[in-house]
Amino acid sequence: MLLPDKKTIDRLLRHYRAQERVVLQRPGDLSTRRRFEDTAYTLCVLMGERTAREAVHAAERYVGTGSRVPRKTLESLPGA
């Protein structure tokens, strides 16, 4: 099985987290949400997972950050 480059996954994970914060600040901004969803999809594909949550957890384990990254979830957003 081919594994993705750890630096790429780390960069993508940081990008995902930054976009997550923006979406939480501006939940009605559709272009921001679309970019966030695109990043989540890319993580899903690279990590071989079906959901963004699973992909993020897999990426964190893969690059060695575990769950030390504090995060708010998008579950509380309307339509999420």
N, C-alpha and C. Protein backbone atom coordinates (compact mmCIF):
# COMPACT_ATOMS: atom_id res chain seq x y z
N MET A 1 0.84 -1.19 0.00
CA MET A 1 0.00 0.00 0.00
C MET A 1 0.89 1.24 0.00
N LEU A 2 0.55 2.18 -0.85
CA LEU A 2 1.28 3.44 -0.89
C LEU A 2 0.77 4.36 0.21
N LEU A 3 1.68 5.02 0.88
CA LEU A 3 1.32 5.96 1.93
C LEU A 3 1.61 7.39 1.47
N PRO A 4 0.75 8.33 1.85
CA PRO A 4 0.98 9.72 1.45
C PRO A 4 2.19 10.31 2.18
N ASP A 5 2.75 11.33 1.61
CA ASP A 5 3.87 12.04 2.19
C ASP A 5 3.44 12.69 3.51
N LYS A 6 4.18 12.46 4.57
CA LYS A 6 3.81 13.01 5.88
C LYS A 6 3.79 14.53 5.89
N LYS A 7 4.72 15.15 5.18
CA LYS A 7 4.74 16.62 5.14
C LYS A 7 3.49 17.15 4.46
N THR A 8 3.05 16.47 3.42
CA THR A 8 1.84 16.89 2.71
C THR A 8 0.62 16.75 3.61
N ILE A 9 0.54 15.63 4.32
CA ILE A 9 -0.59 15.41 5.24
C ILE A 9 -0.56 16.43 6.37
N ASP A 10 0.60 16.71 6.90
CA ASP A 10 0.72 17.69 7.98
C ASP A 10 0.27 19.06 7.50
N ARG A 11 0.72 19.45 6.31
CA ARG A 11 0.32 20.75 5.75
C ARG A 11 -1.19 20.80 5.51
N LEU A 12 -1.74 19.73 4.97
CA LEU A 12 -3.17 19.66 4.69
C LEU A 12 -3.97 19.68 5.99
N LEU A 13 -3.49 19.01 7.01
CA LEU A 13 -4.16 18.99 8.31
C LEU A 13 -4.17 20.39 8.94
N ARG A 14 -3.04 21.09 8.86
CA ARG A 14 -3.00 22.47 9.38
C ARG A 14 -3.95 23.38 8.60
N HIS A 15 -3.99 23.18 7.28
CA HIS A 15 -4.89 23.95 6.42
C HIS A 15 -6.35 23.66 6.80
N TYR A 16 -6.67 22.40 7.03
CA TYR A 16 -8.01 22.00 7.44
C TYR A 16 -8.40 22.70 8.75
N ARG A 17 -7.51 22.68 9.72
CA ARG A 17 -7.80 23.31 11.02
C ARG A 17 -8.00 24.83 10.88
N ALA A 18 -7.19 25.46 10.06
CA ALA A 18 -7.34 26.90 9.84
C ALA A 18 -8.69 27.20 9.18
N GLN A 19 -9.05 26.41 8.19
CA GLN A 19 -10.33 26.60 7.52
C GLN A 19 -11.49 26.30 8.47
N GLU A 20 -11.32 25.33 9.33
CA GLU A 20 -12.35 24.99 10.31
C GLU A 20 -12.66 26.19 11.20
N ARG A 21 -11.61 26.88 11.64
CA ARG A 21 -11.81 28.08 12.48
C ARG A 21 -12.58 29.15 11.72
N VAL A 22 -12.25 29.35 10.44
CA VAL A 22 -12.94 30.37 9.64
C VAL A 22 -14.40 30.00 9.45
N VAL A 23 -14.68 28.74 9.17
CA VAL A 23 -16.07 28.30 8.98
C VAL A 23 -16.87 28.49 10.27
N LEU A 24 -16.24 28.24 11.41
CA LEU A 24 -16.92 28.44 12.69
C LEU A 24 -17.21 29.92 12.93
N GLN A 25 -16.34 30.79 12.44
CA GLN A 25 -16.55 32.23 12.60
C GLN A 25 -17.58 32.77 11.62
N ARG A 26 -17.63 32.18 10.42
CA ARG A 26 -18.55 32.66 9.37
C ARG A 26 -19.32 31.48 8.77
N PRO A 27 -20.24 30.91 9.52
CA PRO A 27 -20.93 29.71 9.04
C PRO A 27 -21.78 29.94 7.79
N GLY A 28 -22.16 31.16 7.51
CA GLY A 28 -23.00 31.44 6.35
C GLY A 28 -22.23 31.68 5.06
N ASP A 29 -20.91 31.72 5.13
CA ASP A 29 -20.08 31.99 3.95
C ASP A 29 -19.92 30.70 3.16
N LEU A 30 -20.67 30.59 2.06
CA LEU A 30 -20.69 29.35 1.30
C LEU A 30 -19.38 29.04 0.60
N SER A 31 -18.66 30.06 0.12
CA SER A 31 -17.39 29.78 -0.55
C SER A 31 -16.35 29.26 0.44
N THR A 32 -16.36 29.79 1.66
CA THR A 32 -15.46 29.31 2.70
C THR A 32 -15.79 27.86 3.06
N ARG A 33 -17.07 27.58 3.20
CA ARG A 33 -17.48 26.22 3.53
C ARG A 33 -17.12 25.25 2.42
N ARG A 34 -17.26 25.68 1.17
CA ARG A 34 -16.93 24.83 0.03
C ARG A 34 -15.44 24.48 0.02
N ARG A 35 -14.58 25.48 0.28
CA ARG A 35 -13.13 25.23 0.34
C ARG A 35 -12.81 24.27 1.49
N PHE A 36 -13.48 24.45 2.62
CA PHE A 36 -13.28 23.59 3.77
C PHE A 36 -13.68 22.15 3.43
N GLU A 37 -14.82 21.99 2.78
CA GLU A 37 -15.29 20.66 2.39
C GLU A 37 -14.36 20.02 1.36
N ASP A 38 -13.79 20.82 0.46
CA ASP A 38 -12.82 20.29 -0.50
C ASP A 38 -11.57 19.76 0.21
N THR A 39 -11.11 20.51 1.20
CA THR A 39 -9.95 20.07 1.97
C THR A 39 -10.28 18.79 2.75
N ALA A 40 -11.47 18.73 3.34
CA ALA A 40 -11.89 17.53 4.06
C ALA A 40 -11.94 16.33 3.12
N TYR A 41 -12.47 16.54 1.91
CA TYR A 41 -12.55 15.46 0.93
C TYR A 41 -11.16 14.96 0.56
N THR A 42 -10.23 15.89 0.36
CA THR A 42 -8.86 15.51 0.01
C THR A 42 -8.24 14.68 1.13
N LEU A 43 -8.47 15.07 2.38
CA LEU A 43 -7.98 14.28 3.51
C LEU A 43 -8.59 12.88 3.50
N CYS A 44 -9.88 12.80 3.20
CA CYS A 44 -10.55 11.50 3.14
C CYS A 44 -9.90 10.60 2.10
N VAL A 45 -9.64 11.16 0.93
CA VAL A 45 -9.05 10.37 -0.15
C VAL A 45 -7.64 9.93 0.22
N LEU A 46 -6.82 10.85 0.70
CA LEU A 46 -5.44 10.52 1.01
C LEU A 46 -5.30 9.54 2.18
N MET A 47 -6.23 9.63 3.13
CA MET A 47 -6.14 8.77 4.31
C MET A 47 -6.99 7.50 4.15
N GLY A 48 -7.75 7.42 3.07
CA GLY A 48 -8.55 6.22 2.84
C GLY A 48 -9.70 6.07 3.81
N GLU A 49 -10.29 7.17 4.21
CA GLU A 49 -11.40 7.14 5.18
C GLU A 49 -12.67 7.68 4.53
N ARG A 50 -13.82 7.31 5.10
CA ARG A 50 -15.11 7.69 4.52
C ARG A 50 -15.63 9.03 5.01
N THR A 51 -15.25 9.45 6.21
CA THR A 51 -15.75 10.71 6.75
C THR A 51 -14.57 11.63 7.09
N ALA A 52 -14.88 12.91 7.14
CA ALA A 52 -13.84 13.89 7.47
C ALA A 52 -13.30 13.65 8.88
N ARG A 53 -14.18 13.33 9.81
CA ARG A 53 -13.74 13.09 11.19
C ARG A 53 -12.75 11.93 11.25
N GLU A 54 -13.07 10.83 10.57
CA GLU A 54 -12.17 9.68 10.54
C GLU A 54 -10.85 10.03 9.86
N ALA A 55 -10.94 10.81 8.77
CA ALA A 55 -9.73 11.19 8.04
C ALA A 55 -8.83 12.09 8.87
N VAL A 56 -9.42 13.01 9.61
CA VAL A 56 -8.62 13.90 10.46
C VAL A 56 -7.94 13.10 11.57
N HIS A 57 -8.68 12.20 12.19
CA HIS A 57 -8.08 11.37 13.25
C HIS A 57 -6.96 10.50 12.68
N ALA A 58 -7.19 9.93 11.52
CA ALA A 58 -6.15 9.10 10.88
C ALA A 58 -4.93 9.94 10.53
N ALA A 59 -5.17 11.15 10.02
CA ALA A 59 -4.06 12.04 9.66
C ALA A 59 -3.27 12.45 10.88
N GLU A 60 -3.96 12.75 11.97
CA GLU A 60 -3.27 13.12 13.21
C GLU A 60 -2.41 11.97 13.72
N ARG A 61 -2.95 10.77 13.66
CA ARG A 61 -2.16 9.60 14.09
C ARG A 61 -0.96 9.41 13.16
N TYR A 62 -1.19 9.58 11.87
CA TYR A 62 -0.15 9.34 10.87
C TYR A 62 1.02 10.31 11.03
N VAL A 63 0.72 11.59 11.26
CA VAL A 63 1.81 12.56 11.41
C VAL A 63 2.28 12.70 12.85
N GLY A 64 1.59 12.01 13.76
CA GLY A 64 2.06 11.97 15.14
C GLY A 64 1.57 13.09 16.02
N THR A 65 0.50 13.78 15.64
CA THR A 65 -0.02 14.85 16.50
C THR A 65 -1.08 14.34 17.45
N GLY A 66 -1.58 13.13 17.22
CA GLY A 66 -2.62 12.58 18.10
C GLY A 66 -3.80 13.51 18.17
N SER A 67 -4.43 13.56 19.31
CA SER A 67 -5.58 14.46 19.47
C SER A 67 -5.21 15.66 20.33
N ARG A 68 -3.93 16.04 20.29
CA ARG A 68 -3.49 17.17 21.10
C ARG A 68 -3.96 18.50 20.54
N VAL A 69 -4.43 18.51 19.30
CA VAL A 69 -4.87 19.74 18.67
C VAL A 69 -6.24 20.09 19.22
N PRO A 70 -6.37 21.23 19.93
CA PRO A 70 -7.70 21.60 20.43
C PRO A 70 -8.59 21.95 19.26
N ARG A 71 -9.86 21.57 19.35
CA ARG A 71 -10.75 21.87 18.24
C ARG A 71 -12.19 22.00 18.70
N LYS A 72 -12.91 22.84 17.98
CA LYS A 72 -14.35 22.90 18.13
C LYS A 72 -14.93 22.05 17.02
N THR A 73 -16.03 21.45 17.24
CA THR A 73 -16.61 20.64 16.18
C THR A 73 -17.63 21.45 15.41
N LEU A 74 -17.87 21.01 14.21
CA LEU A 74 -18.85 21.67 13.35
C LEU A 74 -20.26 21.14 13.57
N GLU A 75 -20.40 20.18 14.47
CA GLU A 75 -21.70 19.57 14.69
C GLU A 75 -22.74 20.57 15.16
N SER A 76 -22.32 21.63 15.84
CA SER A 76 -23.27 22.58 16.37
C SER A 76 -23.77 23.57 15.31
N LEU A 77 -23.14 23.58 14.14
CA LEU A 77 -23.55 24.50 13.09
C LEU A 77 -24.82 24.02 12.41
N PRO A 78 -25.70 24.96 12.06
CA PRO A 78 -26.89 24.55 11.32
C PRO A 78 -26.50 24.00 9.95
N GLY A 79 -27.09 22.92 9.57
CA GLY A 79 -26.82 22.32 8.27
C GLY A 79 -25.58 21.48 8.21
N ALA A 80 -24.87 21.34 9.32
CA ALA A 80 -23.63 20.54 9.30
C ALA A 80 -23.92 19.09 9.59
